[in-house]
C-alpha atoms as a PDB file:
ATOM      1  CA  MET A   1      19.441  -4.756  10.355  1.00  0.00           C
ATOM      2  CA  SER A   2      16.867  -7.068   8.765  1.00  0.00           C
ATOM      3  CA  ASP A   3      13.352  -5.867   7.939  1.00  0.00           C
ATOM      4  CA  LEU A   4      11.979  -8.100  10.711  1.00  0.00           C
ATOM      5  CA  HIS A   5      14.318  -6.570  13.287  1.00  0.00           C
ATOM      6  CA  ALA A   6      13.574  -3.052  12.039  1.00  0.00           C
ATOM      7  CA  ASN A   7       9.822  -3.673  12.281  1.00  0.00           C
ATOM      8  CA  GLN A   8      10.185  -5.190  15.751  1.00  0.00           C
ATOM      9  CA  ALA A   9      12.229  -2.223  16.977  1.00  0.00           C
ATOM     10  CA  VAL A  10       9.601   0.235  15.711  1.00  0.00           C
ATOM     11  CA  ALA A  11       6.772  -1.859  17.200  1.00  0.00           C
ATOM     12  CA  ASP A  12       8.528  -1.973  20.583  1.00  0.00           C
ATOM     13  CA  HIS A  13       9.088   1.795  20.519  1.00  0.00           C
ATOM     14  CA  ILE A  14       5.449   2.507  19.594  1.00  0.00           C
ATOM     15  CA  CYS A  15       4.119   0.274  22.375  1.00  0.00           C
ATOM     16  CA  ARG A  16       6.457   1.765  24.985  1.00  0.00           C
ATOM     17  CA  HIS A  17       6.189   5.437  24.024  1.00  0.00           C
ATOM     18  CA  PHE A  18       2.962   5.658  21.942  1.00  0.00           C
ATOM     19  CA  GLU A  19       4.818   7.663  19.289  1.00  0.00           C
ATOM     20  CA  TRP A  20       7.148   7.240  16.343  1.00  0.00           C
ATOM     21  CA  GLN A  21       8.858   9.954  14.303  1.00  0.00           C
ATOM     22  CA  GLY A  22       6.375  12.660  15.289  1.00  0.00           C
ATOM     23  CA  SER A  23       3.221  10.536  14.994  1.00  0.00           C
ATOM     24  CA  THR A  24       1.299   9.584  18.125  1.00  0.00           C
ATOM     25  CA  PHE A  25      -0.699   6.403  18.652  1.00  0.00           C
ATOM     26  CA  GLN A  26      -3.489   5.419  21.025  1.00  0.00           C
ATOM     27  CA  PRO A  27      -3.927   2.051  22.730  1.00  0.00           C
ATOM     28  CA  GLY A  28      -6.139  -0.126  20.564  1.00  0.00           C
ATOM     29  CA  GLN A  29      -5.036   1.371  17.254  1.00  0.00           C
ATOM     30  CA  CYS A  30      -3.566  -1.074  14.742  1.00  0.00           C
ATOM     31  CA  VAL A  31      -0.383  -0.176  12.905  1.00  0.00           C
ATOM     32  CA  ALA A  32       1.072  -1.744   9.749  1.00  0.00           C
ATOM     33  CA  LEU A  33       4.861  -1.684   9.426  1.00  0.00           C
ATOM     34  CA  LEU A  34       7.006  -2.366   6.387  1.00  0.00           C
ATOM     35  CA  LYS A  35      10.806  -2.125   6.329  1.00  0.00           C
ATOM     36  CA  GLY A  36      10.795  -0.260   9.658  1.00  0.00           C
ATOM     37  CA  GLU A  37       8.278   2.363   8.492  1.00  0.00           C
ATOM     38  CA  VAL A  38       4.652   2.956   9.491  1.00  0.00           C
ATOM     39  CA  VAL A  39       2.597   2.445   6.317  1.00  0.00           C
ATOM     40  CA  ALA A  40      -0.945   2.432   7.757  1.00  0.00           C
ATOM     41  CA  VAL A  41      -2.926   3.043  10.934  1.00  0.00           C
ATOM     42  CA  ALA A  42      -6.387   1.507  11.298  1.00  0.00           C
ATOM     43  CA  GLU A  43      -9.024   0.720  13.899  1.00  0.00           C
ATOM     44  CA  SER A  44      -8.851  -3.065  13.347  1.00  0.00           C
ATOM     45  CA  LEU A  45      -6.147  -5.626  12.659  1.00  0.00           C
ATOM     46  CA  ASP A  46      -8.027  -6.732   9.522  1.00  0.00           C
ATOM     47  CA  ASP A  47      -8.041  -3.180   8.131  1.00  0.00           C
ATOM     48  CA  ALA A  48      -4.355  -2.656   8.939  1.00  0.00           C
ATOM     49  CA  LEU A  49      -3.466  -5.966   7.302  1.00  0.00           C
ATOM     50  CA  ALA A  50      -5.524  -5.126   4.201  1.00  0.00           C
ATOM     51  CA  ALA A  51      -3.704  -1.789   3.903  1.00  0.00           C
ATOM     52  CA  LEU A  52      -0.331  -3.514   4.292  1.00  0.00           C
ATOM     53  CA  ARG A  53      -1.180  -6.159   1.663  1.00  0.00           C
ATOM     54  CA  ALA A  54      -2.314  -3.460  -0.763  1.00  0.00           C
ATOM     55  CA  ILE A  55       1.228  -2.052  -0.559  1.00  0.00           C
ATOM     56  CA  GLU A  56       3.144  -5.341  -0.212  1.00  0.00           C
ATOM     57  CA  PRO A  57       1.293  -8.529  -1.184  1.00  0.00           C
ATOM     58  CA  ASP A  58       4.051 -10.893   0.046  1.00  0.00           C
ATOM     59  CA  PRO A  59       2.765 -12.372   3.341  1.00  0.00           C
ATOM     60  CA  ALA A  60       6.354 -12.901   4.514  1.00  0.00           C
ATOM     61  CA  LYS A  61       6.953  -9.153   4.572  1.00  0.00           C
ATOM     62  CA  GLY A  62       5.647  -6.516   6.952  1.00  0.00           C
ATOM     63  CA  MET A  63       4.098  -6.608  10.395  1.00  0.00           C
ATOM     64  CA  VAL A  64       0.793  -5.565  11.956  1.00  0.00           C
ATOM     65  CA  LEU A  65       0.457  -4.753  15.642  1.00  0.00           C
ATOM     66  CA  GLU A  66      -2.154  -3.527  18.051  1.00  0.00           C
ATOM     67  CA  VAL A  67      -0.834  -0.654  20.148  1.00  0.00           C
ATOM     68  CA  ALA A  68      -0.780  -1.731  23.784  1.00  0.00           C
ATOM     69  CA  VAL A  69       1.375  -1.413  26.862  1.00  0.00           C
ATOM     70  CA  PRO A  70       3.973  -4.236  26.922  1.00  0.00           C
ATOM     71  CA  VAL A  71       3.252  -6.991  29.435  1.00  0.00           C
ATOM     72  CA  THR A  72       5.976  -9.021  31.082  1.00  0.00           C
ATOM     73  CA  ASP A  73       5.146 -12.710  31.375  1.00  0.00           C
ATOM     74  CA  VAL A  74       6.515 -14.533  34.385  1.00  0.00           C
ATOM     75  CA  VAL A  75       6.798 -18.293  34.067  1.00  0.00           C
ATOM     76  CA  ARG A  76       7.336 -20.271  37.219  1.00  0.00           C
ATOM     77  CA  GLY A  77       8.104 -23.965  37.184  1.00  0.00           C
ATOM     78  CA  VAL A  78       7.391 -26.519  39.841  1.00  0.00           C
ATOM     79  CA  CYS A  79      10.483 -28.653  40.127  1.00  0.00           C
ATOM     80  CA  GLY A  80       9.516 -31.242  42.737  1.00  0.00           C
ATOM     81  CA  GLY A  81      13.026 -31.323  44.184  1.00  0.00           C
ATOM     82  CA  ARG A  82      14.646 -32.985  41.145  1.00  0.00           C
ATOM     83  CA  GLY A  83      15.207 -29.945  38.966  1.00  0.00           C
ATOM     84  CA  CYS A  84      12.996 -28.493  36.298  1.00  0.00           C
ATOM     85  CA  ARG A  85      12.706 -30.089  32.905  1.00  0.00           C
END
């Protein structure tokens, strides 16, 4: 599993269950992930990103998320009788 997929799986779990490996999270907290591991928890995205970059300066690595309940987006198209484009 790639680091991106590992981070995404952890992020999804945290937002659905508000916990990961014995740690609990509150909506609104910001979590920094690196290689599928929680490396920092902060009150703002800027603070979580700063903590992540202190550990891993490469901007292509890691992920920062705000803990929130997942929202399903529904997209509806208007086709006008000729099919949607």
